[in-house]
Full PDB file with SEQRES, HELIX, SHEET, SSBOND, CRYST1, ORIGX, SCALE, CONECT and MASTER records, all heavy atoms in Angstrom:
SEQRES   1 A   34  SER VAL LYS GLY ARG PHE THR VAL SER ARG ASP ASN PRO          
SEQRES   2 A   34  LYS ASN THR VAL TYR LEU GLN MET ASN SER LEU LYS PRO          
SEQRES   3 A   34  ALA ASP THR ALA VAL TYR TYR CYS                              
HELIX    1 AA1 ASN A   12  LYS A   14  5                                   3    
HELIX    2 AA2 PRO A   26  ASP A   28  5                                   3    
SHEET    1 AA1 2 PHE A   6  ASP A  11  0                                        
SHEET    2 AA1 2 THR A  16  MET A  21 -1                                        
CRYST1    1.000    1.000    1.000  90.00  90.00  90.00 P 1           1          
ORIGX1      1.000000  0.000000  0.000000        0.00000                         
ORIGX2      0.000000  1.000000  0.000000        0.00000                         
ORIGX3      0.000000  0.000000  1.000000        0.00000                         
SCALE1      1.000000  0.000000  0.000000        0.00000                         
SCALE2      0.000000  1.000000  0.000000        0.00000                         
SCALE3      0.000000  0.000000  1.000000        0.00000                         
ATOM      1  N   SER A   1       6.457  -8.743   6.142  1.00  0.00           N  
ATOM      2  CA  SER A   1       6.353  -7.675   7.126  1.00  0.00           C  
ATOM      3  C   SER A   1       5.063  -6.869   7.029  1.00  0.00           C  
ATOM      4  O   SER A   1       4.714  -6.152   7.972  1.00  0.00           O  
ATOM      5  CB  SER A   1       7.553  -6.732   7.001  1.00  0.00           C  
ATOM      6  OG  SER A   1       7.606  -6.156   5.710  1.00  0.00           O  
ATOM      7  N   VAL A   2       4.352  -6.977   5.896  1.00  0.00           N  
ATOM      8  CA  VAL A   2       3.138  -6.184   5.719  1.00  0.00           C  
ATOM      9  C   VAL A   2       1.893  -7.030   5.526  1.00  0.00           C  
ATOM     10  O   VAL A   2       0.789  -6.475   5.448  1.00  0.00           O  
ATOM     11  CB  VAL A   2       3.277  -5.203   4.534  1.00  0.00           C  
ATOM     12  CG1 VAL A   2       4.519  -4.341   4.695  1.00  0.00           C  
ATOM     13  CG2 VAL A   2       3.305  -5.948   3.204  1.00  0.00           C  
ATOM     14  N   LYS A   3       2.026  -8.330   5.455  1.00  0.00           N  
ATOM     15  CA  LYS A   3       0.869  -9.201   5.263  1.00  0.00           C  
ATOM     16  C   LYS A   3      -0.156  -8.989   6.367  1.00  0.00           C  
ATOM     17  O   LYS A   3       0.181  -8.915   7.541  1.00  0.00           O  
ATOM     18  CB  LYS A   3       1.297 -10.661   5.231  1.00  0.00           C  
ATOM     19  CG  LYS A   3       1.890 -11.112   3.917  1.00  0.00           C  
ATOM     20  CD  LYS A   3       2.181 -12.601   3.927  1.00  0.00           C  
ATOM     21  CE  LYS A   3       2.716 -13.066   2.589  1.00  0.00           C  
ATOM     22  NZ  LYS A   3       3.024 -14.506   2.594  1.00  0.00           N  
ATOM     23  N   GLY A   4      -1.412  -8.895   5.961  1.00  0.00           N  
ATOM     24  CA  GLY A   4      -2.487  -8.680   6.908  1.00  0.00           C  
ATOM     25  C   GLY A   4      -2.732  -7.226   7.231  1.00  0.00           C  
ATOM     26  O   GLY A   4      -3.752  -6.897   7.856  1.00  0.00           O  
ATOM     27  N   ARG A   5      -1.819  -6.348   6.826  1.00  0.00           N  
ATOM     28  CA  ARG A   5      -1.965  -4.919   7.109  1.00  0.00           C  
ATOM     29  C   ARG A   5      -2.126  -4.089   5.838  1.00  0.00           C  
ATOM     30  O   ARG A   5      -2.849  -3.096   5.837  1.00  0.00           O  
ATOM     31  CB  ARG A   5      -0.760  -4.401   7.892  1.00  0.00           C  
ATOM     32  CG  ARG A   5      -0.555  -5.086   9.233  1.00  0.00           C  
ATOM     33  CD  ARG A   5       0.524  -4.392  10.050  1.00  0.00           C  
ATOM     34  NE  ARG A   5       1.828  -4.455   9.394  1.00  0.00           N  
ATOM     35  CZ  ARG A   5       2.534  -3.390   9.026  1.00  0.00           C  
ATOM     36  NH1 ARG A   5       2.060  -2.163   9.253  1.00  0.00           N  
ATOM     37  NH2 ARG A   5       3.719  -3.537   8.446  1.00  0.00           N  
ATOM     38  N   PHE A   6      -1.443  -4.484   4.770  1.00  0.00           N  
ATOM     39  CA  PHE A   6      -1.479  -3.741   3.515  1.00  0.00           C  
ATOM     40  C   PHE A   6      -2.296  -4.496   2.473  1.00  0.00           C  
ATOM     41  O   PHE A   6      -2.309  -5.734   2.460  1.00  0.00           O  
ATOM     42  CB  PHE A   6      -0.067  -3.536   2.955  1.00  0.00           C  
ATOM     43  CG  PHE A   6       0.802  -2.599   3.746  1.00  0.00           C  
ATOM     44  CD1 PHE A   6       0.433  -2.131   4.995  1.00  0.00           C  
ATOM     45  CD2 PHE A   6       2.018  -2.180   3.225  1.00  0.00           C  
ATOM     46  CE1 PHE A   6       1.240  -1.272   5.722  1.00  0.00           C  
ATOM     47  CE2 PHE A   6       2.833  -1.326   3.933  1.00  0.00           C  
ATOM     48  CZ  PHE A   6       2.455  -0.870   5.174  1.00  0.00           C  
ATOM     49  N   THR A   7      -2.942  -3.750   1.584  1.00  0.00           N  
ATOM     50  CA  THR A   7      -3.699  -4.333   0.490  1.00  0.00           C  
ATOM     51  C   THR A   7      -3.415  -3.562  -0.790  1.00  0.00           C  
ATOM     52  O   THR A   7      -3.555  -2.342  -0.828  1.00  0.00           O  
ATOM     53  CB  THR A   7      -5.211  -4.313   0.771  1.00  0.00           C  
ATOM     54  OG1 THR A   7      -5.493  -5.008   1.985  1.00  0.00           O  
ATOM     55  CG2 THR A   7      -5.961  -4.993  -0.374  1.00  0.00           C  
ATOM     56  N   VAL A   8      -3.019  -4.279  -1.829  1.00  0.00           N  
ATOM     57  CA  VAL A   8      -2.777  -3.658  -3.125  1.00  0.00           C  
ATOM     58  C   VAL A   8      -3.963  -3.952  -4.042  1.00  0.00           C  
ATOM     59  O   VAL A   8      -4.512  -5.061  -4.026  1.00  0.00           O  
ATOM     60  CB  VAL A   8      -1.453  -4.160  -3.741  1.00  0.00           C  
ATOM     61  CG1 VAL A   8      -1.488  -5.662  -4.013  1.00  0.00           C  
ATOM     62  CG2 VAL A   8      -1.133  -3.394  -5.022  1.00  0.00           C  
ATOM     63  N   SER A   9      -4.371  -2.964  -4.809  1.00  0.00           N  
ATOM     64  CA  SER A   9      -5.483  -3.128  -5.734  1.00  0.00           C  
ATOM     65  C   SER A   9      -5.249  -2.249  -6.952  1.00  0.00           C  
ATOM     66  O   SER A   9      -4.384  -1.375  -6.942  1.00  0.00           O  
ATOM     67  CB  SER A   9      -6.815  -2.785  -5.060  1.00  0.00           C  
ATOM     68  OG  SER A   9      -6.834  -1.434  -4.639  1.00  0.00           O  
ATOM     69  N   ARG A  10      -6.032  -2.479  -7.990  1.00  0.00           N  
ATOM     70  CA  ARG A  10      -5.890  -1.668  -9.203  1.00  0.00           C  
ATOM     71  C   ARG A  10      -7.247  -1.314  -9.763  1.00  0.00           C  
ATOM     72  O   ARG A  10      -8.226  -2.058  -9.625  1.00  0.00           O  
ATOM     73  CB  ARG A  10      -5.046  -2.398 -10.249  1.00  0.00           C  
ATOM     74  CG  ARG A  10      -5.654  -3.677 -10.793  1.00  0.00           C  
ATOM     75  CD  ARG A  10      -4.647  -4.421 -11.664  1.00  0.00           C  
ATOM     76  NE  ARG A  10      -4.272  -3.649 -12.831  1.00  0.00           N  
ATOM     77  CZ  ARG A  10      -3.175  -3.844 -13.544  1.00  0.00           C  
ATOM     78  NH1 ARG A  10      -2.322  -4.796 -13.178  1.00  0.00           N  
ATOM     79  NH2 ARG A  10      -2.913  -3.096 -14.600  1.00  0.00           N  
ATOM     80  N   ASP A  11      -7.306  -0.164 -10.419  1.00  0.00           N  
ATOM     81  CA  ASP A  11      -8.501   0.318 -11.079  1.00  0.00           C  
ATOM     82  C   ASP A  11      -8.094   0.655 -12.501  1.00  0.00           C  
ATOM     83  O   ASP A  11      -7.568   1.739 -12.771  1.00  0.00           O  
ATOM     84  CB  ASP A  11      -9.066   1.540 -10.362  1.00  0.00           C  
ATOM     85  CG  ASP A  11     -10.418   1.962 -10.890  1.00  0.00           C  
ATOM     86  OD1 ASP A  11     -10.754   1.633 -12.043  1.00  0.00           O  
ATOM     87  OD2 ASP A  11     -11.160   2.625 -10.142  1.00  0.00           O  
ATOM     88  N   ASN A  12      -8.317  -0.270 -13.413  1.00  0.00           N  
ATOM     89  CA  ASN A  12      -7.828  -0.098 -14.777  1.00  0.00           C  
ATOM     90  C   ASN A  12      -8.448   1.098 -15.509  1.00  0.00           C  
ATOM     91  O   ASN A  12      -7.734   1.817 -16.214  1.00  0.00           O  
ATOM     92  CB  ASN A  12      -8.043  -1.381 -15.577  1.00  0.00           C  
ATOM     93  CG  ASN A  12      -7.183  -2.524 -15.072  1.00  0.00           C  
ATOM     94  OD1 ASN A  12      -6.136  -2.300 -14.461  1.00  0.00           O  
ATOM     95  ND2 ASN A  12      -7.612  -3.745 -15.332  1.00  0.00           N  
ATOM     96  N   PRO A  13      -9.763   1.334 -15.387  1.00  0.00           N  
ATOM     97  CA  PRO A  13     -10.315   2.520 -16.061  1.00  0.00           C  
ATOM     98  C   PRO A  13      -9.694   3.828 -15.601  1.00  0.00           C  
ATOM     99  O   PRO A  13      -9.697   4.804 -16.352  1.00  0.00           O  
ATOM    100  CB  PRO A  13     -11.804   2.454 -15.709  1.00  0.00           C  
ATOM    101  CG  PRO A  13     -12.074   1.009 -15.481  1.00  0.00           C  
ATOM    102  CD  PRO A  13     -10.832   0.499 -14.814  1.00  0.00           C  
ATOM    103  N   LYS A  14      -9.176   3.857 -14.374  1.00  0.00           N  
ATOM    104  CA  LYS A  14      -8.530   5.054 -13.845  1.00  0.00           C  
ATOM    105  C   LYS A  14      -7.019   5.033 -13.982  1.00  0.00           C  
ATOM    106  O   LYS A  14      -6.346   5.972 -13.548  1.00  0.00           O  
ATOM    107  CB  LYS A  14      -8.903   5.249 -12.381  1.00  0.00           C  
ATOM    108  CG  LYS A  14     -10.379   5.532 -12.151  1.00  0.00           C  
ATOM    109  CD  LYS A  14     -10.664   5.763 -10.676  1.00  0.00           C  
ATOM    110  CE  LYS A  14     -12.131   6.084 -10.452  1.00  0.00           C  
ATOM    111  NZ  LYS A  14     -12.437   6.299  -9.020  1.00  0.00           N  
ATOM    112  N   ASN A  15      -6.476   3.969 -14.557  1.00  0.00           N  
ATOM    113  CA  ASN A  15      -5.020   3.835 -14.715  1.00  0.00           C  
ATOM    114  C   ASN A  15      -4.292   4.048 -13.391  1.00  0.00           C  
ATOM    115  O   ASN A  15      -3.263   4.738 -13.330  1.00  0.00           O  
ATOM    116  CB  ASN A  15      -4.500   4.825 -15.760  1.00  0.00           C  
ATOM    117  CG  ASN A  15      -4.608   4.300 -17.175  1.00  0.00           C  
ATOM    118  OD1 ASN A  15      -5.482   3.501 -17.498  1.00  0.00           O  
ATOM    119  ND2 ASN A  15      -3.703   4.764 -18.040  1.00  0.00           N  
ATOM    120  N   THR A  16      -4.812   3.440 -12.340  1.00  0.00           N  
ATOM    121  CA  THR A  16      -4.286   3.688 -11.008  1.00  0.00           C  
ATOM    122  C   THR A  16      -4.140   2.394 -10.225  1.00  0.00           C  
ATOM    123  O   THR A  16      -5.004   1.518 -10.292  1.00  0.00           O  
ATOM    124  CB  THR A  16      -5.196   4.653 -10.236  1.00  0.00           C  
ATOM    125  OG1 THR A  16      -5.304   5.886 -10.967  1.00  0.00           O  
ATOM    126  CG2 THR A  16      -4.634   4.953  -8.857  1.00  0.00           C  
ATOM    127  N   VAL A  17      -3.046   2.304  -9.482  1.00  0.00           N  
ATOM    128  CA  VAL A  17      -2.845   1.221  -8.530  1.00  0.00           C  
ATOM    129  C   VAL A  17      -2.794   1.837  -7.137  1.00  0.00           C  
ATOM    130  O   VAL A  17      -2.265   2.939  -6.952  1.00  0.00           O  
ATOM    131  CB  VAL A  17      -1.564   0.414  -8.840  1.00  0.00           C  
ATOM    132  CG1 VAL A  17      -0.322   1.299  -8.778  1.00  0.00           C  
ATOM    133  CG2 VAL A  17      -1.428  -0.767  -7.888  1.00  0.00           C  
ATOM    134  N   TYR A  18      -3.349   1.126  -6.165  1.00  0.00           N  
ATOM    135  CA  TYR A  18      -3.434   1.629  -4.809  1.00  0.00           C  
ATOM    136  C   TYR A  18      -2.688   0.719  -3.842  1.00  0.00           C  
ATOM    137  O   TYR A  18      -2.521  -0.475  -4.082  1.00  0.00           O  
ATOM    138  CB  TYR A  18      -4.887   1.713  -4.350  1.00  0.00           C  
ATOM    139  CG  TYR A  18      -5.765   2.574  -5.220  1.00  0.00           C  
ATOM    140  CD1 TYR A  18      -6.557   2.005  -6.213  1.00  0.00           C  
ATOM    141  CD2 TYR A  18      -5.815   3.951  -5.043  1.00  0.00           C  
ATOM    142  CE1 TYR A  18      -7.370   2.784  -7.012  1.00  0.00           C  
ATOM    143  CE2 TYR A  18      -6.625   4.740  -5.835  1.00  0.00           C  
ATOM    144  CZ  TYR A  18      -7.401   4.155  -6.817  1.00  0.00           C  
ATOM    145  OH  TYR A  18      -8.208   4.936  -7.607  1.00  0.00           O  
ATOM    146  N   LEU A  19      -2.280   1.305  -2.737  1.00  0.00           N  
ATOM    147  CA  LEU A  19      -1.753   0.543  -1.619  1.00  0.00           C  
ATOM    148  C   LEU A  19      -2.430   1.057  -0.362  1.00  0.00           C  
ATOM    149  O   LEU A  19      -2.115   2.155   0.110  1.00  0.00           O  
ATOM    150  CB  LEU A  19      -0.233   0.675  -1.503  1.00  0.00           C  
ATOM    151  CG  LEU A  19       0.407  -0.174  -0.403  1.00  0.00           C  
ATOM    152  CD1 LEU A  19       0.289  -1.662  -0.740  1.00  0.00           C  
ATOM    153  CD2 LEU A  19       1.867   0.204  -0.199  1.00  0.00           C  
ATOM    154  N   GLN A  20      -3.363   0.278   0.146  1.00  0.00           N  
ATOM    155  CA  GLN A  20      -4.031   0.611   1.392  1.00  0.00           C  
ATOM    156  C   GLN A  20      -3.184   0.097   2.538  1.00  0.00           C  
ATOM    157  O   GLN A  20      -2.913  -1.099   2.619  1.00  0.00           O  
ATOM    158  CB  GLN A  20      -5.427  -0.009   1.445  1.00  0.00           C  
ATOM    159  CG  GLN A  20      -6.177   0.252   2.741  1.00  0.00           C  
ATOM    160  CD  GLN A  20      -6.520   1.712   2.938  1.00  0.00           C  
ATOM    161  OE1 GLN A  20      -7.025   2.355   2.028  1.00  0.00           O  
ATOM    162  NE2 GLN A  20      -6.227   2.237   4.116  1.00  0.00           N  
ATOM    163  N   MET A  21      -2.769   0.979   3.420  1.00  0.00           N  
ATOM    164  CA  MET A  21      -1.889   0.630   4.519  1.00  0.00           C  
ATOM    165  C   MET A  21      -2.617   0.873   5.835  1.00  0.00           C  
ATOM    166  O   MET A  21      -2.963   2.013   6.157  1.00  0.00           O  
ATOM    167  CB  MET A  21      -0.596   1.447   4.468  1.00  0.00           C  
ATOM    168  CG  MET A  21       0.138   1.340   3.140  1.00  0.00           C  
ATOM    169  SD  MET A  21       1.735   2.201   3.149  1.00  0.00           S  
ATOM    170  CE  MET A  21       1.175   3.890   3.334  1.00  0.00           C  
ATOM    171  N   ASN A  22      -2.842  -0.190   6.576  1.00  0.00           N  
ATOM    172  CA  ASN A  22      -3.509  -0.120   7.870  1.00  0.00           C  
ATOM    173  C   ASN A  22      -2.556  -0.553   8.975  1.00  0.00           C  
ATOM    174  O   ASN A  22      -1.543  -1.199   8.722  1.00  0.00           O  
ATOM    175  CB  ASN A  22      -4.750  -1.007   7.881  1.00  0.00           C  
ATOM    176  CG  ASN A  22      -5.784  -0.600   6.864  1.00  0.00           C  
ATOM    177  OD1 ASN A  22      -5.963   0.583   6.580  1.00  0.00           O  
ATOM    178  ND2 ASN A  22      -6.492  -1.581   6.315  1.00  0.00           N  
ATOM    179  N   SER A  23      -2.910  -0.208  10.196  1.00  0.00           N  
ATOM    180  CA  SER A  23      -2.105  -0.587  11.361  1.00  0.00           C  
ATOM    181  C   SER A  23      -0.640  -0.246  11.159  1.00  0.00           C  
ATOM    182  O   SER A  23       0.252  -1.065  11.396  1.00  0.00           O  
ATOM    183  CB  SER A  23      -2.280  -2.081  11.659  1.00  0.00           C  
ATOM    184  OG  SER A  23      -3.636  -2.400  11.901  1.00  0.00           O  
ATOM    185  N   LEU A  24      -0.390   0.961  10.732  1.00  0.00           N  
ATOM    186  CA  LEU A  24       0.972   1.369  10.407  1.00  0.00           C  
ATOM    187  C   LEU A  24       1.873   1.383  11.635  1.00  0.00           C  
ATOM    188  O   LEU A  24       1.444   1.713  12.741  1.00  0.00           O  
ATOM    189  CB  LEU A  24       0.958   2.739   9.750  1.00  0.00           C  
ATOM    190  CG  LEU A  24       0.523   2.732   8.284  1.00  0.00           C  
ATOM    191  CD1 LEU A  24       0.119   4.122   7.835  1.00  0.00           C  
ATOM    192  CD2 LEU A  24       1.657   2.191   7.411  1.00  0.00           C  
ATOM    193  N   LYS A  25       3.119   1.031  11.402  1.00  0.00           N  
ATOM    194  CA  LYS A  25       4.140   0.977  12.439  1.00  0.00           C  
ATOM    195  C   LYS A  25       5.268   1.938  12.091  1.00  0.00           C  
ATOM    196  O   LYS A  25       5.479   2.263  10.926  1.00  0.00           O  
ATOM    197  CB  LYS A  25       4.719  -0.437  12.549  1.00  0.00           C  
ATOM    198  CG  LYS A  25       3.699  -1.538  12.743  1.00  0.00           C  
ATOM    199  CD  LYS A  25       4.377  -2.893  12.676  1.00  0.00           C  
ATOM    200  CE  LYS A  25       3.376  -4.013  12.846  1.00  0.00           C  
ATOM    201  NZ  LYS A  25       4.033  -5.349  12.762  1.00  0.00           N  
ATOM    202  N   PRO A  26       6.033   2.390  13.084  1.00  0.00           N  
ATOM    203  CA  PRO A  26       7.195   3.231  12.777  1.00  0.00           C  
ATOM    204  C   PRO A  26       8.153   2.572  11.788  1.00  0.00           C  
ATOM    205  O   PRO A  26       8.785   3.268  10.995  1.00  0.00           O  
ATOM    206  CB  PRO A  26       7.854   3.419  14.144  1.00  0.00           C  
ATOM    207  CG  PRO A  26       6.713   3.365  15.104  1.00  0.00           C  
ATOM    208  CD  PRO A  26       5.787   2.306  14.537  1.00  0.00           C  
ATOM    209  N   ALA A  27       8.242   1.249  11.806  1.00  0.00           N  
ATOM    210  CA  ALA A  27       9.110   0.539  10.879  1.00  0.00           C  
ATOM    211  C   ALA A  27       8.655   0.656   9.434  1.00  0.00           C  
ATOM    212  O   ALA A  27       9.420   0.342   8.517  1.00  0.00           O  
ATOM    213  CB  ALA A  27       9.195  -0.937  11.270  1.00  0.00           C  
ATOM    214  N   ASP A  28       7.426   1.114   9.214  1.00  0.00           N  
ATOM    215  CA  ASP A  28       6.934   1.322   7.860  1.00  0.00           C  
ATOM    216  C   ASP A  28       7.403   2.646   7.272  1.00  0.00           C  
ATOM    217  O   ASP A  28       7.156   2.915   6.093  1.00  0.00           O  
ATOM    218  CB  ASP A  28       5.404   1.281   7.837  1.00  0.00           C  
ATOM    219  CG  ASP A  28       4.850  -0.080   8.215  1.00  0.00           C  
ATOM    220  OD1 ASP A  28       5.400  -1.095   7.762  1.00  0.00           O  
ATOM    221  OD2 ASP A  28       3.847  -0.114   8.969  1.00  0.00           O  
ATOM    222  N   THR A  29       8.046   3.464   8.067  1.00  0.00           N  
ATOM    223  CA  THR A  29       8.539   4.755   7.592  1.00  0.00           C  
ATOM    224  C   THR A  29       9.547   4.552   6.469  1.00  0.00           C  
ATOM    225  O   THR A  29      10.552   3.860   6.641  1.00  0.00           O  
ATOM    226  CB  THR A  29       9.172   5.546   8.739  1.00  0.00           C  
ATOM    227  OG1 THR A  29       8.174   5.867   9.717  1.00  0.00           O  
ATOM    228  CG2 THR A  29       9.791   6.841   8.231  1.00  0.00           C  
ATOM    229  N   ALA A  30       9.279   5.154   5.329  1.00  0.00           N  
ATOM    230  CA  ALA A  30      10.131   4.985   4.155  1.00  0.00           C  
ATOM    231  C   ALA A  30       9.585   5.831   3.019  1.00  0.00           C  
ATOM    232  O   ALA A  30       8.479   6.377   3.104  1.00  0.00           O  
ATOM    233  CB  ALA A  30      10.185   3.516   3.724  1.00  0.00           C  
ATOM    234  N   VAL A  31      10.365   5.924   1.961  1.00  0.00           N  
ATOM    235  CA  VAL A  31       9.866   6.452   0.709  1.00  0.00           C  
ATOM    236  C   VAL A  31       9.283   5.281  -0.067  1.00  0.00           C  
ATOM    237  O   VAL A  31       9.958   4.273  -0.265  1.00  0.00           O  
ATOM    238  CB  VAL A  31      10.965   7.145  -0.115  1.00  0.00           C  
ATOM    239  CG1 VAL A  31      10.420   7.603  -1.462  1.00  0.00           C  
ATOM    240  CG2 VAL A  31      11.531   8.325   0.650  1.00  0.00           C  
ATOM    241  N   TYR A  32       8.050   5.407  -0.488  1.00  0.00           N  
ATOM    242  CA  TYR A  32       7.361   4.344  -1.202  1.00  0.00           C  
ATOM    243  C   TYR A  32       7.335   4.647  -2.697  1.00  0.00           C  
ATOM    244  O   TYR A  32       6.987   5.756  -3.105  1.00  0.00           O  
ATOM    245  CB  TYR A  32       5.935   4.183  -0.681  1.00  0.00           C  
ATOM    246  CG  TYR A  32       5.877   3.467   0.646  1.00  0.00           C  
ATOM    247  CD1 TYR A  32       6.326   4.081   1.806  1.00  0.00           C  
ATOM    248  CD2 TYR A  32       5.388   2.165   0.737  1.00  0.00           C  
ATOM    249  CE1 TYR A  32       6.303   3.425   3.024  1.00  0.00           C  
ATOM    250  CE2 TYR A  32       5.352   1.505   1.947  1.00  0.00           C  
ATOM    251  CZ  TYR A  32       5.810   2.133   3.083  1.00  0.00           C  
ATOM    252  OH  TYR A  32       5.778   1.468   4.288  1.00  0.00           O  
ATOM    253  N   TYR A  33       7.697   3.648  -3.483  1.00  0.00           N  
ATOM    254  CA  TYR A  33       7.758   3.772  -4.931  1.00  0.00           C  
ATOM    255  C   TYR A  33       6.832   2.759  -5.587  1.00  0.00           C  
ATOM    256  O   TYR A  33       6.737   1.623  -5.138  1.00  0.00           O  
ATOM    257  CB  TYR A  33       9.177   3.502  -5.448  1.00  0.00           C  
ATOM    258  CG  TYR A  33      10.243   4.423  -4.908  1.00  0.00           C  
ATOM    259  CD1 TYR A  33      10.893   4.133  -3.714  1.00  0.00           C  
ATOM    260  CD2 TYR A  33      10.609   5.565  -5.604  1.00  0.00           C  
ATOM    261  CE1 TYR A  33      11.881   4.967  -3.219  1.00  0.00           C  
ATOM    262  CE2 TYR A  33      11.595   6.404  -5.116  1.00  0.00           C  
ATOM    263  CZ  TYR A  33      12.228   6.098  -3.922  1.00  0.00           C  
ATOM    264  OH  TYR A  33      13.206   6.923  -3.444  1.00  0.00           O  
ATOM    265  N   CYS A  34       6.178   3.170  -6.653  1.00  0.00           N  
ATOM    266  CA  CYS A  34       5.456   2.198  -7.453  1.00  0.00           C  
ATOM    267  C   CYS A  34       6.277   1.851  -8.683  1.00  0.00           C  
ATOM    268  O   CYS A  34       7.118   2.638  -9.135  1.00  0.00           O  
ATOM    269  CB  CYS A  34       4.058   2.691  -7.850  1.00  0.00           C  
ATOM    270  SG  CYS A  34       4.015   4.119  -8.952  1.00  0.00           S  
TER     271      CYS A  34                                                      
MASTER        0    0    0    2    2    0    0    6  270    1    0    3          
END                                                                             
């Protein structure tokens, strides 16, 4: 459902993982957890 729209990446020196979400749809409405 998110292929082509979302991108996950990580930055180890910053101890952080990201989720870039593009072309968002109302169906994407939710609580997001890592």
